[in-house]
């Protein structure tokens, strides 16, 4: 999150020191990427979809500001490990393959992944994330799937729409609603357009 804050401040102020700071933060973030491709701090804490998605989002946004082969390679490695998963219920979602195969069980996790996927698509469209055609198709498929899965968690309740905190039909929450809104109306696409 520090990387995204430095990047946003640099966009707002144009201050060169903030760009240098964000580049250093991107390098520190890349250092948390495990051999499996999962972003996870060193130590005993298990990998989480939330941490991984935030890392992908931060790198994709940073790429739009300061293109880097190292950031692009780390982003690609992080995207490759995303896959479909089915939870008991059955409930379809996305998951990481590696480091215990954590799944996006909550709407917030799924929304974070969608934001990251869309930011990666924006970086690709801006020409700062070169992807072979097969990886680009897979990225588009994952983004479309995440969108459909997230939309399935939105339902009418009286005169309003609510967002399930977990799988479709689970209790709604304000946090899930905010996360879904941020994912379905993403600021990342605008950020990439401004940077281009």
N, C-alpha and C. Protein backbone atom coordinates (compact mmCIF):
# COMPACT_ATOMS: atom_id res chain seq x y z
N UNK A 1 0.82 -1.19 0.00
CA UNK A 1 0.00 0.00 0.00
C UNK A 1 0.86 1.25 0.00
N UNK A 2 2.06 1.14 0.57
CA UNK A 2 2.97 2.28 0.56
C UNK A 2 3.36 2.63 -0.87
N UNK A 3 3.54 1.61 -1.71
CA UNK A 3 3.88 1.84 -3.11
C UNK A 3 2.76 2.60 -3.81
N UNK A 4 1.52 2.19 -3.59
CA UNK A 4 0.40 2.88 -4.25
C UNK A 4 0.25 4.30 -3.72
N UNK A 5 0.53 4.52 -2.44
CA UNK A 5 0.45 5.87 -1.88
C UNK A 5 1.52 6.77 -2.50
N UNK A 6 2.76 6.28 -2.59
CA UNK A 6 3.84 7.07 -3.19
C UNK A 6 3.55 7.35 -4.66
N UNK A 7 3.03 6.35 -5.35
CA UNK A 7 2.70 6.52 -6.78
C UNK A 7 1.59 7.55 -6.96
N UNK A 8 0.56 7.50 -6.11
CA UNK A 8 -0.55 8.46 -6.21
C UNK A 8 -0.08 9.87 -5.89
N UNK A 9 0.77 10.01 -4.88
CA UNK A 9 1.30 11.34 -4.55
C UNK A 9 2.16 11.88 -5.68
N UNK A 10 2.97 11.01 -6.29
CA UNK A 10 3.79 11.47 -7.42
C UNK A 10 2.91 11.94 -8.57
N UNK A 11 1.85 11.21 -8.86
CA UNK A 11 0.93 11.63 -9.93
C UNK A 11 0.32 12.99 -9.63
N UNK A 12 -0.01 13.21 -8.36
CA UNK A 12 -0.66 14.46 -7.97
C UNK A 12 0.31 15.64 -7.94
N UNK A 13 1.55 15.39 -7.52
CA UNK A 13 2.49 16.50 -7.32
C UNK A 13 3.59 16.58 -8.38
N UNK A 14 3.89 15.45 -9.02
CA UNK A 14 4.99 15.43 -9.99
C UNK A 14 6.36 15.45 -9.33
N UNK A 15 6.41 15.29 -8.03
CA UNK A 15 7.66 15.37 -7.29
C UNK A 15 8.55 14.17 -7.62
N UNK A 16 9.76 14.45 -8.12
CA UNK A 16 10.69 13.40 -8.55
C UNK A 16 11.09 12.47 -7.41
N UNK A 17 11.22 13.01 -6.20
CA UNK A 17 11.62 12.19 -5.06
C UNK A 17 10.60 11.09 -4.79
N UNK A 18 9.34 11.39 -5.06
CA UNK A 18 8.30 10.38 -4.85
C UNK A 18 8.38 9.27 -5.88
N UNK A 19 8.79 9.62 -7.10
CA UNK A 19 8.98 8.58 -8.12
C UNK A 19 10.13 7.67 -7.72
N UNK A 20 11.23 8.26 -7.24
CA UNK A 20 12.36 7.45 -6.78
C UNK A 20 11.94 6.57 -5.60
N UNK A 21 11.14 7.13 -4.70
CA UNK A 21 10.66 6.35 -3.55
C UNK A 21 9.77 5.20 -4.01
N UNK A 22 8.89 5.47 -4.97
CA UNK A 22 8.00 4.40 -5.43
C UNK A 22 8.79 3.31 -6.15
N UNK A 23 9.84 3.68 -6.85
CA UNK A 23 10.68 2.69 -7.52
C UNK A 23 11.39 1.80 -6.50
N UNK A 24 11.86 2.41 -5.41
CA UNK A 24 12.49 1.63 -4.33
C UNK A 24 11.46 0.72 -3.66
N UNK A 25 10.25 1.22 -3.47
CA UNK A 25 9.20 0.40 -2.86
C UNK A 25 8.81 -0.76 -3.78
N UNK A 26 8.82 -0.52 -5.09
CA UNK A 26 8.52 -1.61 -6.04
C UNK A 26 9.58 -2.70 -5.94
N UNK A 27 10.83 -2.31 -5.80
CA UNK A 27 11.90 -3.30 -5.64
C UNK A 27 11.72 -4.10 -4.35
N UNK A 28 11.33 -3.42 -3.28
CA UNK A 28 11.08 -4.11 -2.01
C UNK A 28 9.90 -5.07 -2.13
N UNK A 29 8.89 -4.65 -2.86
CA UNK A 29 7.73 -5.52 -3.08
C UNK A 29 8.12 -6.75 -3.89
N UNK A 30 8.92 -6.55 -4.93
CA UNK A 30 9.37 -7.70 -5.73
C UNK A 30 10.14 -8.70 -4.88
N UNK A 31 10.86 -8.20 -3.88
CA UNK A 31 11.65 -9.09 -3.02
C UNK A 31 10.77 -10.00 -2.17
N UNK A 32 9.49 -9.67 -2.03
CA UNK A 32 8.58 -10.53 -1.25
C UNK A 32 7.98 -11.65 -2.09
N UNK A 33 8.28 -11.66 -3.39
CA UNK A 33 7.72 -12.71 -4.25
C UNK A 33 8.51 -14.00 -4.06
N UNK A 34 7.81 -15.05 -3.70
CA UNK A 34 8.41 -16.36 -3.47
C UNK A 34 8.67 -17.06 -4.81
N UNK A 35 9.42 -18.15 -4.76
CA UNK A 35 9.71 -18.93 -5.97
C UNK A 35 8.43 -19.40 -6.66
N UNK A 36 7.38 -19.62 -5.88
CA UNK A 36 6.10 -20.07 -6.43
C UNK A 36 5.41 -18.99 -7.25
N UNK A 37 5.83 -17.73 -7.08
CA UNK A 37 5.18 -16.61 -7.75
C UNK A 37 4.27 -15.82 -6.82
N UNK A 38 4.00 -16.39 -5.64
CA UNK A 38 3.13 -15.73 -4.66
C UNK A 38 3.90 -14.63 -3.94
N UNK A 39 3.24 -13.50 -3.74
CA UNK A 39 3.82 -12.43 -2.94
C UNK A 39 3.47 -12.70 -1.47
N UNK A 40 4.52 -12.84 -0.66
CA UNK A 40 4.33 -13.13 0.76
C UNK A 40 5.57 -12.69 1.52
N UNK A 41 5.34 -12.00 2.63
CA UNK A 41 6.46 -11.59 3.48
C UNK A 41 7.16 -12.84 4.01
N UNK A 42 8.44 -12.70 4.31
CA UNK A 42 9.19 -13.81 4.89
C UNK A 42 8.62 -14.12 6.27
N UNK A 43 8.70 -15.36 6.67
CA UNK A 43 8.21 -15.75 7.98
C UNK A 43 7.19 -16.86 7.87
N UNK A 44 6.51 -17.11 8.97
CA UNK A 44 5.60 -18.24 9.04
C UNK A 44 4.18 -17.92 8.59
N UNK A 45 3.84 -16.65 8.41
CA UNK A 45 2.47 -16.30 8.03
C UNK A 45 2.14 -16.90 6.67
N UNK A 46 0.96 -17.51 6.55
CA UNK A 46 0.59 -18.11 5.27
C UNK A 46 0.29 -17.05 4.21
N UNK A 47 0.39 -17.44 2.97
CA UNK A 47 0.06 -16.55 1.86
C UNK A 47 -1.44 -16.27 1.88
N UNK A 48 -1.81 -15.06 1.46
CA UNK A 48 -3.23 -14.72 1.37
C UNK A 48 -3.52 -14.13 -0.01
N UNK A 49 -4.74 -14.33 -0.45
CA UNK A 49 -5.17 -13.76 -1.73
C UNK A 49 -5.13 -12.24 -1.63
N UNK A 50 -5.53 -11.68 -0.49
CA UNK A 50 -5.56 -10.23 -0.32
C UNK A 50 -4.18 -9.63 -0.53
N UNK A 51 -3.16 -10.18 0.14
CA UNK A 51 -1.81 -9.64 0.00
C UNK A 51 -1.30 -9.78 -1.43
N UNK A 52 -1.57 -10.92 -2.04
CA UNK A 52 -1.12 -11.15 -3.41
C UNK A 52 -1.79 -10.18 -4.37
N UNK A 53 -3.09 -10.00 -4.23
CA UNK A 53 -3.83 -9.10 -5.11
C UNK A 53 -3.35 -7.66 -4.97
N UNK A 54 -3.10 -7.23 -3.74
CA UNK A 54 -2.61 -5.86 -3.52
C UNK A 54 -1.24 -5.68 -4.16
N UNK A 55 -0.38 -6.69 -4.05
CA UNK A 55 0.94 -6.62 -4.68
C UNK A 55 0.81 -6.52 -6.20
N UNK A 56 -0.06 -7.33 -6.79
CA UNK A 56 -0.26 -7.26 -8.24
C UNK A 56 -0.78 -5.89 -8.65
N UNK A 57 -1.75 -5.37 -7.92
CA UNK A 57 -2.32 -4.06 -8.22
C UNK A 57 -1.26 -2.97 -8.12
N UNK A 58 -0.47 -3.00 -7.06
CA UNK A 58 0.57 -1.99 -6.88
C UNK A 58 1.60 -2.03 -8.01
N UNK A 59 2.03 -3.23 -8.39
CA UNK A 59 3.01 -3.34 -9.48
C UNK A 59 2.43 -2.88 -10.81
N UNK A 60 1.20 -3.25 -11.09
CA UNK A 60 0.58 -2.84 -12.36
C UNK A 60 0.45 -1.32 -12.43
N UNK A 61 0.04 -0.71 -11.33
CA UNK A 61 -0.08 0.76 -11.31
C UNK A 61 1.30 1.41 -11.44
N UNK A 62 2.30 0.84 -10.78
CA UNK A 62 3.64 1.40 -10.85
C UNK A 62 4.21 1.28 -12.26
N UNK A 63 3.92 0.17 -12.92
CA UNK A 63 4.40 -0.02 -14.30
C UNK A 63 3.92 1.10 -15.22
N UNK A 64 2.69 1.55 -15.01
CA UNK A 64 2.14 2.61 -15.85
C UNK A 64 2.91 3.92 -15.64
N UNK A 65 3.47 4.08 -14.46
CA UNK A 65 4.20 5.30 -14.12
C UNK A 65 5.68 5.20 -14.49
N UNK A 66 6.27 4.05 -14.21
CA UNK A 66 7.71 3.86 -14.42
C UNK A 66 7.93 2.46 -14.98
N UNK A 67 7.81 2.29 -16.30
CA UNK A 67 7.98 0.97 -16.90
C UNK A 67 9.31 0.32 -16.50
N UNK A 68 9.24 -0.96 -16.16
CA UNK A 68 10.41 -1.70 -15.71
C UNK A 68 10.26 -3.16 -16.10
N UNK A 69 11.31 -3.72 -16.68
CA UNK A 69 11.28 -5.14 -17.03
C UNK A 69 11.16 -6.00 -15.78
N UNK A 70 11.79 -5.57 -14.69
CA UNK A 70 11.73 -6.34 -13.45
C UNK A 70 10.31 -6.37 -12.90
N UNK A 71 9.64 -5.21 -12.89
CA UNK A 71 8.26 -5.16 -12.40
C UNK A 71 7.34 -5.97 -13.32
N UNK A 72 7.55 -5.85 -14.62
CA UNK A 72 6.71 -6.58 -15.57
C UNK A 72 6.88 -8.09 -15.39
N UNK A 73 8.11 -8.54 -15.20
CA UNK A 73 8.37 -9.97 -15.01
C UNK A 73 7.73 -10.47 -13.71
N UNK A 74 7.84 -9.69 -12.64
CA UNK A 74 7.23 -10.09 -11.37
C UNK A 74 5.71 -10.12 -11.48
N UNK A 75 5.15 -9.16 -12.18
CA UNK A 75 3.70 -9.13 -12.38
C UNK A 75 3.25 -10.36 -13.17
N UNK A 76 3.97 -10.68 -14.24
CA UNK A 76 3.62 -11.86 -15.03
C UNK A 76 3.69 -13.13 -14.19
N UNK A 77 4.74 -13.27 -13.38
CA UNK A 77 4.86 -14.46 -12.52
C UNK A 77 3.72 -14.53 -11.52
N UNK A 78 3.28 -13.38 -11.04
CA UNK A 78 2.17 -13.35 -10.09
C UNK A 78 0.83 -13.64 -10.73
N UNK A 79 0.68 -13.29 -11.99
CA UNK A 79 -0.57 -13.55 -12.71
C UNK A 79 -0.70 -15.02 -13.10
N UNK A 80 0.41 -15.64 -13.44
CA UNK A 80 0.41 -17.02 -13.92
C UNK A 80 -0.15 -17.99 -12.87
N UNK A 81 -0.01 -17.67 -11.60
CA UNK A 81 -0.45 -18.61 -10.57
C UNK A 81 -1.92 -18.47 -10.21
N UNK A 82 -2.64 -17.53 -10.82
CA UNK A 82 -4.08 -17.40 -10.57
C UNK A 82 -4.83 -18.47 -11.34
N UNK A 83 -5.83 -19.06 -10.69
CA UNK A 83 -6.59 -20.13 -11.32
C UNK A 83 -8.01 -20.15 -10.77
N UNK A 84 -8.86 -20.88 -11.45
CA UNK A 84 -10.23 -21.09 -10.97
C UNK A 84 -10.21 -22.12 -9.84
N UNK A 85 -11.16 -21.98 -8.92
CA UNK A 85 -11.30 -22.94 -7.82
C UNK A 85 -12.78 -23.06 -7.48
N UNK A 86 -13.15 -24.20 -6.94
CA UNK A 86 -14.53 -24.41 -6.50
C UNK A 86 -14.51 -24.77 -5.02
N UNK A 87 -15.25 -23.99 -4.24
CA UNK A 87 -15.38 -24.23 -2.81
C UNK A 87 -16.62 -25.07 -2.55
N UNK A 88 -16.72 -25.67 -1.36
CA UNK A 88 -17.94 -26.41 -1.03
C UNK A 88 -19.16 -25.50 -1.17
N UNK A 89 -20.22 -26.06 -1.65
CA UNK A 89 -21.44 -25.29 -1.83
C UNK A 89 -22.22 -25.67 -3.06
N UNK A 90 -21.70 -25.78 -4.22
CA UNK A 90 -20.39 -25.32 -4.68
C UNK A 90 -20.40 -23.82 -4.98
N UNK A 91 -19.26 -23.19 -4.73
CA UNK A 91 -19.08 -21.76 -5.01
C UNK A 91 -17.80 -21.63 -5.82
N UNK A 92 -17.91 -21.09 -7.02
CA UNK A 92 -16.73 -20.86 -7.85
C UNK A 92 -16.06 -19.57 -7.44
N UNK A 93 -14.73 -19.57 -7.52
CA UNK A 93 -13.95 -18.38 -7.18
C UNK A 93 -12.59 -18.50 -7.85
N UNK A 94 -11.68 -17.60 -7.50
CA UNK A 94 -10.31 -17.66 -7.99
C UNK A 94 -9.40 -18.04 -6.82
N UNK A 95 -8.23 -18.57 -7.15
CA UNK A 95 -7.29 -19.00 -6.12
C UNK A 95 -5.87 -18.81 -6.61
N UNK A 96 -4.93 -18.90 -5.68
CA UNK A 96 -3.51 -18.90 -6.01
C UNK A 96 -3.05 -20.34 -6.03
N UNK A 97 -2.20 -20.69 -6.96
CA UNK A 97 -1.64 -22.04 -7.01
C UNK A 97 -0.22 -21.96 -6.46
N UNK A 98 -0.06 -22.43 -5.25
CA UNK A 98 1.23 -22.38 -4.58
C UNK A 98 1.06 -21.78 -3.19
N UNK A 99 1.98 -22.09 -2.30
CA UNK A 99 1.96 -21.56 -0.94
C UNK A 99 0.67 -21.92 -0.22
N UNK A 100 0.16 -23.13 -0.41
CA UNK A 100 -1.04 -23.57 0.27
C UNK A 100 -2.32 -23.37 -0.52
N UNK A 101 -2.22 -22.88 -1.73
CA UNK A 101 -3.37 -22.68 -2.62
C UNK A 101 -4.52 -21.89 -1.98
N UNK A 102 -4.24 -20.69 -1.42
CA UNK A 102 -5.32 -19.91 -0.81
C UNK A 102 -6.35 -19.48 -1.87
N UNK A 103 -7.61 -19.39 -1.44
CA UNK A 103 -8.70 -19.03 -2.35
C UNK A 103 -9.27 -17.66 -1.98
N UNK A 104 -9.91 -17.05 -2.97
CA UNK A 104 -10.62 -15.78 -2.74
C UNK A 104 -12.01 -16.14 -2.22
N UNK A 105 -12.09 -16.44 -0.93
CA UNK A 105 -13.35 -16.89 -0.33
C UNK A 105 -14.30 -15.72 -0.07
N UNK A 106 -13.74 -14.54 0.19
CA UNK A 106 -14.58 -13.38 0.49
C UNK A 106 -14.75 -12.51 -0.74
N UNK A 107 -15.80 -11.74 -0.73
CA UNK A 107 -16.04 -10.79 -1.82
C UNK A 107 -14.92 -9.77 -1.89
N UNK A 108 -14.41 -9.36 -0.73
CA UNK A 108 -13.31 -8.39 -0.73
C UNK A 108 -12.09 -8.94 -1.45
N UNK A 109 -11.74 -10.21 -1.21
CA UNK A 109 -10.60 -10.81 -1.89
C UNK A 109 -10.84 -10.89 -3.40
N UNK A 110 -12.02 -11.30 -3.79
CA UNK A 110 -12.35 -11.41 -5.21
C UNK A 110 -12.30 -10.03 -5.87
N UNK A 111 -12.80 -9.02 -5.18
CA UNK A 111 -12.78 -7.65 -5.71
C UNK A 111 -11.35 -7.14 -5.86
N UNK A 112 -10.51 -7.44 -4.88
CA UNK A 112 -9.10 -7.03 -4.99
C UNK A 112 -8.44 -7.69 -6.20
N UNK A 113 -8.72 -8.96 -6.40
CA UNK A 113 -8.15 -9.64 -7.57
C UNK A 113 -8.65 -9.02 -8.87
N UNK A 114 -9.93 -8.68 -8.93
CA UNK A 114 -10.45 -8.06 -10.14
C UNK A 114 -9.76 -6.72 -10.40
N UNK A 115 -9.57 -5.93 -9.36
CA UNK A 115 -8.86 -4.65 -9.54
C UNK A 115 -7.45 -4.89 -10.08
N UNK A 116 -6.77 -5.89 -9.54
CA UNK A 116 -5.41 -6.20 -9.99
C UNK A 116 -5.41 -6.67 -11.44
N UNK A 117 -6.36 -7.53 -11.79
CA UNK A 117 -6.44 -8.04 -13.16
C UNK A 117 -6.72 -6.90 -14.14
N UNK A 118 -7.62 -6.02 -13.79
CA UNK A 118 -7.93 -4.88 -14.67
C UNK A 118 -6.75 -3.92 -14.79
N UNK A 119 -6.04 -3.72 -13.69
CA UNK A 119 -4.85 -2.86 -13.76
C UNK A 119 -3.79 -3.49 -14.66
N UNK A 120 -3.64 -4.81 -14.58
CA UNK A 120 -2.69 -5.50 -15.46
C UNK A 120 -3.13 -5.36 -16.92
N UNK A 121 -4.43 -5.48 -17.18
CA UNK A 121 -4.92 -5.28 -18.55
C UNK A 121 -4.63 -3.85 -19.02
N UNK A 122 -4.80 -2.89 -18.12
CA UNK A 122 -4.50 -1.50 -18.47
C UNK A 122 -3.03 -1.30 -18.77
N UNK A 123 -2.16 -1.93 -17.98
CA UNK A 123 -0.72 -1.83 -18.22
C UNK A 123 -0.36 -2.47 -19.56
N UNK A 124 -1.01 -3.58 -19.87
CA UNK A 124 -0.77 -4.22 -21.17
C UNK A 124 -1.24 -3.31 -22.30
N UNK A 125 -2.42 -2.72 -22.16
CA UNK A 125 -2.95 -1.83 -23.20
C UNK A 125 -2.06 -0.60 -23.39
N UNK A 126 -1.42 -0.15 -22.31
CA UNK A 126 -0.53 1.00 -22.39
C UNK A 126 0.84 0.63 -22.95
N UNK A 127 1.07 -0.67 -23.16
CA UNK A 127 2.33 -1.12 -23.74
C UNK A 127 3.46 -1.31 -22.76
N UNK A 128 3.16 -1.29 -21.45
CA UNK A 128 4.23 -1.43 -20.45
C UNK A 128 4.27 -2.83 -19.84
N UNK A 129 3.32 -3.69 -20.21
CA UNK A 129 3.31 -5.08 -19.77
C UNK A 129 3.20 -5.97 -21.00
N UNK A 130 4.34 -6.30 -21.61
CA UNK A 130 4.28 -7.16 -22.79
C UNK A 130 3.89 -8.58 -22.38
N UNK A 131 2.86 -9.10 -23.04
CA UNK A 131 2.39 -10.46 -22.78
C UNK A 131 2.26 -11.21 -24.09
N UNK A 132 2.69 -12.48 -24.12
CA UNK A 132 2.39 -13.30 -25.29
C UNK A 132 0.87 -13.42 -25.43
N UNK A 133 0.41 -13.72 -26.63
CA UNK A 133 -1.04 -13.78 -26.90
C UNK A 133 -1.77 -14.72 -25.95
N UNK A 134 -1.18 -15.87 -25.66
CA UNK A 134 -1.84 -16.84 -24.77
C UNK A 134 -2.02 -16.27 -23.36
N UNK A 135 -1.00 -15.59 -22.84
CA UNK A 135 -1.11 -14.99 -21.50
C UNK A 135 -2.11 -13.85 -21.50
N UNK A 136 -2.17 -13.09 -22.58
CA UNK A 136 -3.14 -12.00 -22.68
C UNK A 136 -4.57 -12.54 -22.70
N UNK A 137 -4.79 -13.63 -23.42
CA UNK A 137 -6.12 -14.25 -23.44
C UNK A 137 -6.49 -14.79 -22.06
N UNK A 138 -5.53 -15.39 -21.39
CA UNK A 138 -5.78 -15.92 -20.05
C UNK A 138 -6.10 -14.79 -19.08
N UNK A 139 -5.37 -13.69 -19.17
CA UNK A 139 -5.64 -12.52 -18.33
C UNK A 139 -7.05 -12.00 -18.57
N UNK A 140 -7.45 -11.90 -19.83
CA UNK A 140 -8.80 -11.45 -20.16
C UNK A 140 -9.85 -12.41 -19.61
N UNK A 141 -9.59 -13.71 -19.75
CA UNK A 141 -10.52 -14.72 -19.23
C UNK A 141 -10.67 -14.59 -17.71
N UNK A 142 -9.55 -14.45 -17.00
CA UNK A 142 -9.61 -14.33 -15.55
C UNK A 142 -10.35 -13.06 -15.13
N UNK A 143 -10.12 -11.95 -15.84
CA UNK A 143 -10.82 -10.71 -15.51
C UNK A 143 -12.32 -10.83 -15.76
N UNK A 144 -12.69 -11.45 -16.88
CA UNK A 144 -14.11 -11.66 -17.19
C UNK A 144 -14.75 -12.59 -16.16
N UNK A 145 -14.03 -13.62 -15.77
CA UNK A 145 -14.54 -14.57 -14.78
C UNK A 145 -14.71 -13.89 -13.43
N UNK A 146 -13.71 -13.13 -13.01
CA UNK A 146 -13.80 -12.42 -11.73
C UNK A 146 -14.96 -11.44 -11.74
N UNK A 147 -15.18 -10.77 -12.87
CA UNK A 147 -16.31 -9.84 -12.98
C UNK A 147 -17.62 -10.58 -12.82
N UNK A 148 -17.78 -11.69 -13.51
CA UNK A 148 -19.02 -12.48 -13.42
C UNK A 148 -19.23 -13.02 -12.01
N UNK A 149 -18.17 -13.50 -11.38
CA UNK A 149 -18.29 -14.04 -10.02
C UNK A 149 -18.66 -12.94 -9.03
N UNK A 150 -18.08 -11.76 -9.23
CA UNK A 150 -18.39 -10.64 -8.35
C UNK A 150 -19.83 -10.15 -8.57
N UNK A 151 -20.24 -10.04 -9.81
CA UNK A 151 -21.61 -9.61 -10.11
C UNK A 151 -22.64 -10.58 -9.54
N UNK A 152 -22.30 -11.86 -9.47
CA UNK A 152 -23.22 -12.86 -8.92
C UNK A 152 -23.45 -12.67 -7.42
N UNK A 153 -22.58 -11.90 -6.78
CA UNK A 153 -22.72 -11.66 -5.33
C UNK A 153 -23.56 -10.41 -5.04
N UNK A 154 -24.03 -9.74 -6.08
CA UNK A 154 -24.87 -8.55 -5.92
C UNK A 154 -26.32 -8.96 -6.10
N UNK A 155 -27.17 -8.53 -5.18
CA UNK A 155 -28.58 -8.89 -5.28
C UNK A 155 -29.45 -7.75 -4.76
N UNK A 156 -30.69 -7.66 -5.27
CA UNK A 156 -31.60 -6.64 -4.74
C UNK A 156 -32.13 -7.05 -3.37
N UNK A 157 -32.27 -6.09 -2.52
CA UNK A 157 -32.87 -6.31 -1.21
C UNK A 157 -33.75 -5.10 -0.93
N UNK A 158 -35.04 -5.27 -1.13
CA UNK A 158 -35.94 -4.12 -1.05
C UNK A 158 -35.67 -3.21 -2.22
N UNK A 159 -35.39 -1.95 -1.93
CA UNK A 159 -35.15 -0.97 -2.98
C UNK A 159 -33.67 -0.71 -3.23
N UNK A 160 -32.80 -1.51 -2.63
CA UNK A 160 -31.37 -1.29 -2.77
C UNK A 160 -30.68 -2.57 -3.26
N UNK A 161 -29.47 -2.40 -3.71
CA UNK A 161 -28.63 -3.54 -4.05
C UNK A 161 -27.67 -3.78 -2.89
N UNK A 162 -27.49 -5.03 -2.54
CA UNK A 162 -26.53 -5.39 -1.49
C UNK A 162 -25.53 -6.37 -2.08
N UNK A 163 -24.39 -6.46 -1.42
CA UNK A 163 -23.32 -7.33 -1.89
C UNK A 163 -23.02 -8.36 -0.80
N UNK A 164 -23.09 -9.62 -1.17
CA UNK A 164 -22.79 -10.71 -0.23
C UNK A 164 -21.33 -10.66 0.19
N UNK A 165 -21.08 -10.87 1.46
CA UNK A 165 -19.71 -10.85 1.97
C UNK A 165 -18.91 -12.07 1.51
N UNK A 166 -19.61 -13.19 1.30
CA UNK A 166 -18.96 -14.41 0.84
C UNK A 166 -19.59 -14.84 -0.47
N UNK A 167 -19.87 -16.12 -0.58
CA UNK A 167 -20.48 -16.63 -1.80
C UNK A 167 -21.88 -16.07 -2.00
N UNK A 168 -22.44 -16.24 -3.21
CA UNK A 168 -23.79 -15.76 -3.47
C UNK A 168 -24.77 -16.28 -2.42
N UNK A 169 -25.62 -15.39 -1.91
CA UNK A 169 -26.60 -15.77 -0.91
C UNK A 169 -26.15 -15.58 0.52
N UNK A 170 -24.86 -15.31 0.75
CA UNK A 170 -24.40 -15.08 2.12
C UNK A 170 -24.82 -13.68 2.57
N UNK A 171 -24.65 -13.40 3.83
CA UNK A 171 -25.06 -12.11 4.39
C UNK A 171 -24.28 -10.97 3.74
N UNK A 172 -24.94 -9.84 3.51
CA UNK A 172 -24.24 -8.70 2.92
C UNK A 172 -23.39 -7.97 3.96
N UNK A 173 -22.43 -7.19 3.47
CA UNK A 173 -21.64 -6.34 4.36
C UNK A 173 -21.26 -5.06 3.64
N UNK A 174 -21.06 -4.00 4.41
CA UNK A 174 -20.64 -2.73 3.83
C UNK A 174 -19.25 -2.83 3.23
N UNK A 175 -18.37 -3.59 3.88
CA UNK A 175 -17.01 -3.76 3.35
C UNK A 175 -17.03 -4.44 1.99
N UNK A 176 -17.88 -5.45 1.84
CA UNK A 176 -18.01 -6.13 0.55
C UNK A 176 -18.58 -5.18 -0.49
N UNK A 177 -19.54 -4.35 -0.08
CA UNK A 177 -20.14 -3.40 -1.01
C UNK A 177 -19.11 -2.39 -1.51
N UNK A 178 -18.29 -1.86 -0.58
CA UNK A 178 -17.26 -0.90 -0.97
C UNK A 178 -16.22 -1.54 -1.88
N UNK A 179 -15.81 -2.76 -1.55
CA UNK A 179 -14.81 -3.46 -2.37
C UNK A 179 -15.34 -3.75 -3.76
N UNK A 180 -16.60 -4.19 -3.85
CA UNK A 180 -17.20 -4.47 -5.15
C UNK A 180 -17.31 -3.20 -5.98
N UNK A 181 -17.70 -2.11 -5.35
CA UNK A 181 -17.81 -0.84 -6.07
C UNK A 181 -16.45 -0.41 -6.61
N UNK A 182 -15.41 -0.52 -5.77
CA UNK A 182 -14.06 -0.16 -6.21
C UNK A 182 -13.59 -1.03 -7.37
N UNK A 183 -14.00 -2.29 -7.37
CA UNK A 183 -13.57 -3.21 -8.43
C UNK A 183 -14.36 -3.02 -9.72
N UNK A 184 -15.66 -2.79 -9.58
CA UNK A 184 -16.50 -2.68 -10.78
C UNK A 184 -16.44 -1.30 -11.42
N UNK A 185 -16.04 -0.29 -10.65
CA UNK A 185 -15.84 1.06 -11.19
C UNK A 185 -14.39 1.44 -10.89
N UNK A 186 -13.44 0.78 -11.56
CA UNK A 186 -12.04 0.88 -11.15
C UNK A 186 -11.37 2.21 -11.49
N UNK A 187 -10.66 2.76 -10.52
CA UNK A 187 -9.84 3.94 -10.82
C UNK A 187 -8.59 3.59 -11.60
N UNK A 188 -8.19 2.30 -11.61
CA UNK A 188 -6.94 1.91 -12.26
C UNK A 188 -6.93 2.22 -13.75
N UNK A 189 -8.05 2.01 -14.43
CA UNK A 189 -8.08 2.29 -15.87
C UNK A 189 -7.82 3.76 -16.12
N UNK A 190 -8.38 4.62 -15.28
CA UNK A 190 -8.16 6.06 -15.43
C UNK A 190 -6.71 6.41 -15.14
N UNK A 191 -6.11 5.76 -14.15
CA UNK A 191 -4.71 6.01 -13.81
C UNK A 191 -3.81 5.68 -14.98
N UNK A 192 -4.05 4.54 -15.62
CA UNK A 192 -3.22 4.14 -16.75
C UNK A 192 -3.40 5.12 -17.91
N UNK A 193 -4.64 5.58 -18.16
CA UNK A 193 -4.87 6.54 -19.24
C UNK A 193 -4.15 7.85 -18.97
N UNK A 194 -4.16 8.32 -17.73
CA UNK A 194 -3.49 9.57 -17.37
C UNK A 194 -1.99 9.43 -17.54
N UNK A 195 -1.46 8.26 -17.18
CA UNK A 195 -0.02 8.03 -17.27
C UNK A 195 0.45 7.92 -18.71
N UNK A 196 -0.42 7.47 -19.61
CA UNK A 196 -0.02 7.22 -20.99
C UNK A 196 0.16 8.48 -21.80
